[in-house]
Amino acid sequence: MDLSSFTIILTDHCNFDCVYCYPKKGRRWLDSTVLIRALDFFYPFFTRECNIDFYGGEPLLAFDTIRKTVEQIEGLSKNPRIKAHYSLTTNGSLLTDDVLDFLGDHKFSLLLSFDGLAQNISRKRGSFGFLVSVIPKILERPHISLETNSVFTSETIGNLSGSIKLLIQLGVQNVSVAFNHRLPWTSSSVLRLKREMALVRNYFRSHYQKTGDVPWAELGEEWENAVYRCPAGLNKMALAADGTLWGCFLFSQYFNDSKNTRESRNYCFGDVDAFIENHRTIYPQVLENYSALRMDRFSTPDRLCAFCDKIEECWVCPLAAGLTSGTIGRIPASVCRGAKMWRNERRLFRERFERPNKKDGNAVSAG
């Protein structure tokens, strides 16, 4: 067991009520003694560079626990072989100066959930102004690595290009975008998405010529053709707010209301104490179930993905699909269409950036 990622779900409670959020808000808080035992046990299994991600709910509701956890890990870090890197996924509403100072002192990577111009529509009304004001405060702290994640639905997709421009104008240098399928995507919403992506390509072309930078890095990444396999459990583990262990935080969310079913037991490594006592037996048994989560074993309503001639160019998270379809690895038709559209947009983006610049004759690379 070699873990390069360990996610700590501090609570399933949240002070936002986003329209596209799948997991139900709860009132569970991770017991600090359980967390201490888990870290003591798993620390020797961390790889040389291991990421510790604080997640929720809204994890900053449990900021004291974050502080104590960092202190514990740094107390364990007398072994120079292991270097822990901290990250935090947050809606940003509780980012006070004191919190930001702490994050800076410990060189956190901060993933800020901010939907740009769609913020007051999809997330919490009135939160847009605060986040616009807090982003410069984050950027003032050079030891905090900031990335924003913006989620767009079929109803808010018209805000995509404007939101990207806003974030870049605020100084954000690393943006990511996700498309939510909880609300159905109609042909008109897909058309709006294509138009917005064309605007993004044009804007990034101009931005690159001025700065040499493409802030939405995923657009230009080259993926190696291979059949996708979910890495959950293999090199990552998640500790849920109820003290159970999963291969990825999404599994805890997916089985939030059904953690005693046969299917959930296929993916749950048990509670911390049980796992510590019997991990040599439990881990390989459950990991075998995670190992089966491969694209060639997934399906759409029309066919098995193994029969698709683009299977080595495609990857869909089996849980993200399951949160929409109700079945792990069952990919809704809209998600399949979205994956194909995304591949095409990435191709168009790379073609646009690799095409020679007519003014100076030099090729512009997005890689």
Protein backbone atom coordinates (compact mmCIF):
# COMPACT_ATOMS: atom_id res chain seq x y z
CA MET A 1 0.00 0.00 0.00
CA ASP A 2 1.67 3.19 -1.25
CA LEU A 3 -0.50 6.28 -0.85
CA SER A 4 0.28 9.46 -2.76
CA SER A 5 -3.05 11.02 -1.73
CA PHE A 6 -4.98 10.94 1.52
CA THR A 7 -8.29 12.85 1.70
CA ILE A 8 -9.77 13.82 5.05
CA ILE A 9 -13.51 14.57 4.94
CA LEU A 10 -13.86 16.65 8.08
CA THR A 11 -17.64 17.09 7.92
CA ASP A 12 -20.56 16.54 5.59
CA HIS A 13 -22.09 19.80 6.77
CA CYS A 14 -21.95 22.82 4.47
CA ASN A 15 -23.00 26.46 4.73
CA PHE A 16 -23.87 26.57 1.01
CA ASP A 17 -26.70 24.84 -0.84
CA CYS A 18 -25.51 24.58 -4.43
CA VAL A 19 -28.15 23.56 -6.97
CA TYR A 20 -25.93 20.93 -8.63
CA CYS A 21 -24.46 19.37 -5.49
CA TYR A 22 -25.10 15.62 -5.28
CA PRO A 23 -24.37 14.70 -1.64
CA LYS A 24 -26.96 15.63 0.94
CA LYS A 25 -25.84 17.91 3.70
CA GLY A 26 -25.50 16.20 7.05
CA ARG A 27 -24.35 16.90 10.58
CA ARG A 28 -21.47 14.45 10.86
CA TRP A 29 -18.07 15.62 12.07
CA LEU A 30 -14.94 13.51 11.99
CA ASP A 31 -13.94 12.44 15.49
CA SER A 32 -10.49 13.83 16.27
CA THR A 33 -9.35 10.65 18.04
CA VAL A 34 -10.29 8.58 14.97
CA LEU A 35 -8.35 11.00 12.77
CA ILE A 36 -5.28 10.78 15.01
CA ARG A 37 -5.33 6.96 14.90
CA ALA A 38 -5.76 6.98 11.13
CA LEU A 39 -2.82 9.31 10.55
CA ASP A 40 -0.58 7.38 12.95
CA PHE A 41 -1.35 4.19 11.04
CA PHE A 42 -1.25 5.46 7.44
CA TYR A 43 1.73 7.78 7.73
CA PRO A 44 4.32 5.01 7.09
CA PHE A 45 2.42 4.13 3.88
CA PHE A 46 2.66 7.67 2.47
CA THR A 47 4.88 8.03 -0.59
CA ARG A 48 7.80 10.42 -0.56
CA GLU A 49 5.56 13.22 -1.85
CA CYS A 50 2.09 12.73 -0.38
CA ASN A 51 -0.84 15.10 -0.72
CA ILE A 52 -3.13 15.60 2.30
CA ASP A 53 -6.43 17.06 1.10
CA PHE A 54 -8.95 18.56 3.52
CA TYR A 55 -12.46 18.18 2.16
CA GLY A 56 -16.12 18.45 3.15
CA GLY A 57 -18.92 19.58 3.19
CA GLU A 58 -17.18 22.80 3.90
CA PRO A 59 -13.92 21.85 5.64
CA LEU A 60 -13.26 25.32 7.07
CA LEU A 61 -16.21 24.76 9.40
CA ALA A 62 -13.69 22.52 11.18
CA PHE A 63 -10.68 24.80 10.89
CA ASP A 64 -9.41 23.93 14.38
CA THR A 65 -9.18 20.29 13.31
CA ILE A 66 -7.23 21.29 10.20
CA ARG A 67 -4.77 23.19 12.36
CA LYS A 68 -4.34 20.27 14.80
CA THR A 69 -3.97 17.78 11.94
CA VAL A 70 -1.17 19.77 10.35
CA GLU A 71 0.56 19.95 13.73
CA GLN A 72 0.23 16.18 14.12
CA ILE A 73 1.59 15.43 10.65
CA GLU A 74 4.51 17.76 11.14
CA GLY A 75 5.18 16.04 14.43
CA LEU A 76 5.31 12.74 12.54
CA SER A 77 7.49 14.24 9.82
CA LYS A 78 10.74 13.61 11.61
CA ASN A 79 11.29 11.02 8.92
CA PRO A 80 12.88 13.05 6.09
CA ARG A 81 11.79 10.41 3.58
CA ILE A 82 8.21 11.73 3.58
CA LYS A 83 7.14 15.22 2.55
CA ALA A 84 3.47 16.07 3.13
CA HIS A 85 1.82 18.64 0.90
CA TYR A 86 -1.45 20.17 2.09
CA SER A 87 -4.45 21.11 -0.01
CA LEU A 88 -7.89 22.46 0.83
CA THR A 89 -11.07 22.45 -1.23
CA THR A 90 -13.38 25.23 -0.06
CA ASN A 91 -16.25 27.48 -1.11
CA GLY A 92 -14.17 30.37 0.24
CA SER A 93 -16.82 31.88 2.49
CA LEU A 94 -14.74 31.37 5.65
CA LEU A 95 -11.38 32.55 4.31
CA THR A 96 -10.51 35.13 6.95
CA ASP A 97 -7.12 36.78 7.24
CA ASP A 98 -6.17 34.41 10.08
CA VAL A 99 -7.08 31.36 7.98
CA LEU A 100 -5.17 32.70 4.99
CA ASP A 101 -2.12 33.38 7.14
CA PHE A 102 -2.19 29.78 8.36
CA LEU A 103 -2.56 28.40 4.84
CA GLY A 104 0.34 30.53 3.69
CA ASP A 105 2.55 29.52 6.59
CA HIS A 106 2.07 25.85 5.67
CA LYS A 107 2.22 26.32 1.88
CA PHE A 108 -1.28 25.04 1.12
CA SER A 109 -2.64 24.45 -2.34
CA LEU A 110 -6.07 26.06 -2.32
CA LEU A 111 -8.83 24.86 -4.64
CA LEU A 112 -11.47 27.59 -4.54
CA SER A 113 -14.92 26.61 -5.76
CA PHE A 114 -16.05 29.76 -7.55
CA ASP A 115 -18.47 29.70 -10.46
CA GLY A 116 -17.62 33.16 -11.70
CA LEU A 117 -20.57 35.00 -13.23
CA ALA A 118 -22.81 32.01 -12.38
CA GLN A 119 -21.90 32.13 -8.68
CA ASN A 120 -25.07 33.82 -7.45
CA ILE A 121 -27.20 31.56 -9.63
CA SER A 122 -25.79 28.11 -8.84
CA ARG A 123 -24.18 28.50 -5.45
CA LYS A 124 -25.12 31.08 -2.82
CA ARG A 125 -26.77 34.36 -3.65
CA GLY A 126 -24.61 37.24 -2.50
CA SER A 127 -21.37 35.21 -2.35
CA PHE A 128 -20.01 36.56 -5.64
CA GLY A 129 -18.90 39.91 -4.23
CA PHE A 130 -17.10 38.37 -1.26
CA LEU A 131 -15.11 35.93 -3.38
CA VAL A 132 -14.13 38.65 -5.83
CA SER A 133 -12.77 40.60 -2.86
CA VAL A 134 -10.99 37.62 -1.25
CA ILE A 135 -9.10 36.43 -4.35
CA PRO A 136 -6.65 39.38 -4.26
CA LYS A 137 -5.99 38.60 -0.57
CA ILE A 138 -5.10 35.03 -1.50
CA LEU A 139 -2.81 36.20 -4.28
CA GLU A 140 -1.01 38.52 -1.86
CA ARG A 141 0.27 35.40 -0.08
CA PRO A 142 2.87 33.89 -2.42
CA HIS A 143 3.10 30.60 -0.50
CA ILE A 144 -0.56 29.75 -1.24
CA SER A 145 -1.01 28.02 -4.59
CA LEU A 146 -4.44 29.05 -5.89
CA GLU A 147 -6.60 27.20 -8.37
CA THR A 148 -10.25 27.96 -9.03
CA ASN A 149 -12.82 25.39 -10.05
CA SER A 150 -15.96 26.61 -11.82
CA VAL A 151 -18.93 24.34 -12.42
CA PHE A 152 -21.40 25.06 -15.18
CA THR A 153 -24.77 23.47 -15.84
CA SER A 154 -26.92 23.46 -18.95
CA GLU A 155 -28.63 26.57 -17.54
CA THR A 156 -25.49 28.57 -16.71
CA ILE A 157 -23.20 27.60 -19.58
CA GLY A 158 -23.71 30.99 -21.23
CA ASN A 159 -21.53 32.45 -18.45
CA LEU A 160 -18.47 30.30 -19.27
CA SER A 161 -16.32 32.64 -21.38
CA GLY A 162 -17.20 35.71 -19.31
CA SER A 163 -16.29 33.87 -16.12
CA ILE A 164 -12.92 32.76 -17.52
CA LYS A 165 -12.12 36.35 -18.48
CA LEU A 166 -13.15 37.59 -15.03
CA LEU A 167 -10.93 35.09 -13.22
CA ILE A 168 -7.91 35.93 -15.35
CA GLN A 169 -8.49 39.64 -14.89
CA LEU A 170 -8.54 39.03 -11.13
CA GLY A 171 -5.08 37.50 -11.45
CA VAL A 172 -5.91 33.79 -11.21
CA GLN A 173 -3.27 31.85 -13.13
CA ASN A 174 -4.72 28.35 -12.80
CA VAL A 175 -8.38 27.76 -13.62
CA SER A 176 -10.32 24.54 -14.05
CA VAL A 177 -13.84 23.98 -15.30
CA ALA A 178 -16.34 21.18 -14.78
CA PHE A 179 -19.67 20.51 -16.46
CA ASN A 180 -22.47 19.17 -14.31
CA HIS A 181 -25.01 16.72 -15.74
CA ARG A 182 -27.54 16.67 -12.92
CA LEU A 183 -29.71 18.97 -15.04
CA PRO A 184 -30.19 17.55 -18.58
CA TRP A 185 -28.21 19.07 -21.44
CA THR A 186 -30.45 19.90 -24.38
CA SER A 187 -29.29 20.41 -27.95
CA SER A 188 -29.55 24.18 -27.45
CA SER A 189 -27.41 24.11 -24.29
CA VAL A 190 -24.76 22.03 -26.09
CA LEU A 191 -24.78 24.60 -28.89
CA ARG A 192 -24.29 27.38 -26.33
CA LEU A 193 -21.35 25.45 -24.89
CA LYS A 194 -19.70 25.18 -28.31
CA ARG A 195 -20.15 28.92 -28.85
CA GLU A 196 -18.69 29.68 -25.43
CA MET A 197 -15.71 27.42 -26.08
CA ALA A 198 -15.04 29.23 -29.36
CA LEU A 199 -14.98 32.51 -27.41
CA VAL A 200 -12.60 30.96 -24.87
CA ARG A 201 -10.23 29.83 -27.64
CA ASN A 202 -10.18 33.31 -29.15
CA TYR A 203 -9.59 34.93 -25.77
CA PHE A 204 -6.80 32.53 -24.83
CA ARG A 205 -5.10 33.10 -28.19
CA SER A 206 -4.94 36.81 -27.46
CA HIS A 207 -3.98 36.24 -23.82
CA TYR A 208 -1.15 33.90 -24.79
CA GLN A 209 0.30 36.36 -27.26
CA LYS A 210 0.47 38.96 -24.48
CA THR A 211 1.61 36.78 -21.57
CA GLY A 212 2.84 33.43 -22.91
CA ASP A 213 0.42 31.68 -20.57
CA VAL A 214 -2.72 29.53 -20.92
CA PRO A 215 -4.43 29.48 -17.48
CA TRP A 216 -6.83 26.62 -18.32
CA ALA A 217 -4.03 24.09 -18.64
CA GLU A 218 -6.24 21.03 -19.11
CA LEU A 219 -7.30 22.27 -22.54
CA GLY A 220 -3.79 21.93 -23.87
CA GLU A 221 -2.69 18.74 -22.13
CA GLU A 222 -1.85 15.75 -24.27
CA TRP A 223 -3.26 12.52 -22.90
CA GLU A 224 -1.64 9.22 -23.62
CA ASN A 225 -4.04 6.84 -25.33
CA ALA A 226 -4.90 4.03 -22.92
CA VAL A 227 -7.91 2.33 -21.39
CA TYR A 228 -8.77 4.40 -18.32
CA ARG A 229 -8.66 2.75 -14.92
CA CYS A 230 -10.00 4.43 -11.78
CA PRO A 231 -7.06 4.95 -9.36
CA ALA A 232 -9.27 4.88 -6.26
CA GLY A 233 -7.81 2.67 -3.55
CA LEU A 234 -4.68 1.96 -5.54
CA ASN A 235 -2.66 5.01 -4.56
CA LYS A 236 -5.26 7.08 -2.74
CA MET A 237 -7.49 6.74 0.28
CA ALA A 238 -10.25 8.83 1.85
CA LEU A 239 -11.35 9.02 5.48
CA ALA A 240 -15.03 9.95 5.71
CA ALA A 241 -16.65 12.07 8.39
CA ASP A 242 -18.23 8.95 9.93
CA GLY A 243 -14.81 7.32 10.34
CA THR A 244 -15.05 4.88 7.42
CA LEU A 245 -12.35 4.42 4.78
CA TRP A 246 -12.87 4.53 1.00
CA GLY A 247 -10.71 4.49 -2.09
CA CYS A 248 -11.89 8.01 -3.03
CA PHE A 249 -14.06 10.66 -1.35
CA LEU A 250 -16.67 10.30 -4.10
CA PHE A 251 -17.52 6.79 -2.93
CA SER A 252 -18.36 8.07 0.52
CA GLN A 253 -20.65 10.67 -1.06
CA TYR A 254 -22.24 8.14 -3.41
CA PHE A 255 -23.07 5.73 -0.58
CA ASN A 256 -23.95 8.47 1.88
CA ASP A 257 -27.42 7.09 2.55
CA SER A 258 -26.71 3.42 1.84
CA LYS A 259 -23.50 2.52 3.63
CA ASN A 260 -24.82 -0.81 4.88
CA THR A 261 -25.71 -2.28 1.50
CA ARG A 262 -23.84 -5.13 -0.17
CA GLU A 263 -22.63 -2.85 -2.95
CA SER A 264 -21.24 -0.27 -0.53
CA ARG A 265 -19.34 -2.98 1.34
CA ASN A 266 -17.59 -3.82 -1.92
CA TYR A 267 -15.91 -0.42 -1.83
CA CYS A 268 -15.63 0.36 1.87
CA PHE A 269 -12.44 -0.61 3.70
CA GLY A 270 -14.37 -0.49 7.00
CA ASP A 271 -13.84 1.82 9.93
CA VAL A 272 -10.38 2.85 11.05
CA ASP A 273 -10.05 0.43 13.97
CA ALA A 274 -11.22 -2.58 11.95
CA PHE A 275 -8.89 -1.73 9.09
CA ILE A 276 -5.88 -1.26 11.35
CA GLU A 277 -6.50 -4.62 12.99
CA ASN A 278 -7.02 -6.58 9.78
CA HIS A 279 -5.64 -4.46 6.90
CA ARG A 280 -3.55 -7.24 5.37
CA THR A 281 -6.77 -9.11 4.56
CA ILE A 282 -9.21 -6.23 4.01
CA TYR A 283 -7.09 -4.10 1.70
CA PRO A 284 -6.44 -6.62 -1.13
CA GLN A 285 -10.03 -7.91 -1.00
CA VAL A 286 -11.62 -4.47 -1.43
CA LEU A 287 -8.93 -3.24 -3.82
CA GLU A 288 -9.90 -6.02 -6.22
CA ASN A 289 -13.34 -4.41 -6.57
CA TYR A 290 -11.80 -1.01 -7.30
CA SER A 291 -9.50 -2.61 -9.88
CA ALA A 292 -12.55 -3.63 -11.90
CA LEU A 293 -13.49 0.03 -12.48
CA ARG A 294 -12.15 0.33 -16.04
CA MET A 295 -13.58 2.01 -19.11
CA ASP A 296 -13.78 -1.29 -20.98
CA ARG A 297 -16.22 -2.51 -18.29
CA PHE A 298 -18.43 0.58 -18.32
CA SER A 299 -21.47 1.06 -20.53
CA THR A 300 -23.85 3.62 -21.97
CA PRO A 301 -27.57 3.03 -22.60
CA ASP A 302 -26.63 1.97 -26.14
CA ARG A 303 -23.66 -0.35 -25.73
CA LEU A 304 -20.62 -1.46 -23.78
CA CYS A 305 -17.80 1.07 -23.84
CA ALA A 306 -15.45 -1.76 -24.87
CA PHE A 307 -17.07 -1.67 -28.32
CA CYS A 308 -16.39 2.06 -28.82
CA ASP A 309 -13.54 2.78 -31.25
CA LYS A 310 -12.61 5.88 -29.17
CA ILE A 311 -12.26 4.04 -25.87
CA GLU A 312 -8.53 4.76 -25.56
CA GLU A 313 -9.18 8.49 -26.00
CA CYS A 314 -11.92 8.68 -23.39
CA TRP A 315 -12.19 8.61 -19.63
CA VAL A 316 -15.24 9.08 -17.44
CA CYS A 317 -15.16 8.88 -13.65
CA PRO A 318 -17.37 5.86 -12.77
CA LEU A 319 -18.71 7.64 -9.67
CA ALA A 320 -19.40 10.93 -11.41
CA ALA A 321 -21.43 8.92 -13.94
CA GLY A 322 -23.06 6.91 -11.18
CA LEU A 323 -24.16 10.02 -9.33
CA THR A 324 -26.22 10.86 -12.43
CA SER A 325 -27.32 7.41 -13.62
CA GLY A 326 -27.65 5.71 -10.23
CA THR A 327 -25.26 2.90 -11.20
CA ILE A 328 -21.47 2.92 -10.87
CA GLY A 329 -19.90 2.80 -14.32
CA ARG A 330 -23.24 3.31 -16.09
CA ILE A 331 -22.61 6.38 -18.24
CA PRO A 332 -25.70 8.43 -19.15
CA ALA A 333 -26.08 9.29 -22.82
CA SER A 334 -25.65 13.00 -22.06
CA VAL A 335 -22.33 12.33 -20.28
CA CYS A 336 -21.10 10.24 -23.21
CA ARG A 337 -22.01 13.03 -25.64
CA GLY A 338 -20.30 15.51 -23.34
CA ALA A 339 -17.10 13.44 -23.26
CA LYS A 340 -17.04 13.29 -27.06
CA MET A 341 -17.66 17.02 -27.28
CA TRP A 342 -14.86 17.71 -24.79
CA ARG A 343 -12.38 15.61 -26.79
CA ASN A 344 -13.29 17.57 -29.89
CA GLU A 345 -12.93 20.92 -28.12
CA ARG A 346 -9.49 19.94 -26.84
CA ARG A 347 -8.49 18.97 -30.37
CA LEU A 348 -9.74 22.31 -31.75
CA PHE A 349 -7.91 24.14 -28.99
CA ARG A 350 -4.60 22.44 -29.74
CA GLU A 351 -5.02 22.96 -33.47
CA ARG A 352 -5.68 26.64 -32.88
CA PHE A 353 -2.60 27.05 -30.71
CA GLU A 354 -0.27 24.93 -32.83
CA ARG A 355 -1.18 26.75 -36.02
CA PRO A 356 1.60 29.14 -37.09
CA ASN A 357 1.10 32.75 -36.07
CA LYS A 358 0.75 34.68 -39.32
CA LYS A 359 2.33 37.83 -37.83
CA ASP A 360 5.63 36.35 -36.66
CA GLY A 361 5.70 32.92 -38.33
CA ASN A 362 6.24 31.11 -35.03
CA ALA A 363 4.14 28.23 -33.78
CA VAL A 364 2.29 28.72 -30.51
CA SER A 365 2.26 25.62 -28.31
CA ALA A 366 -0.40 24.95 -25.67
CA GLY A 367 1.50 22.05 -24.14
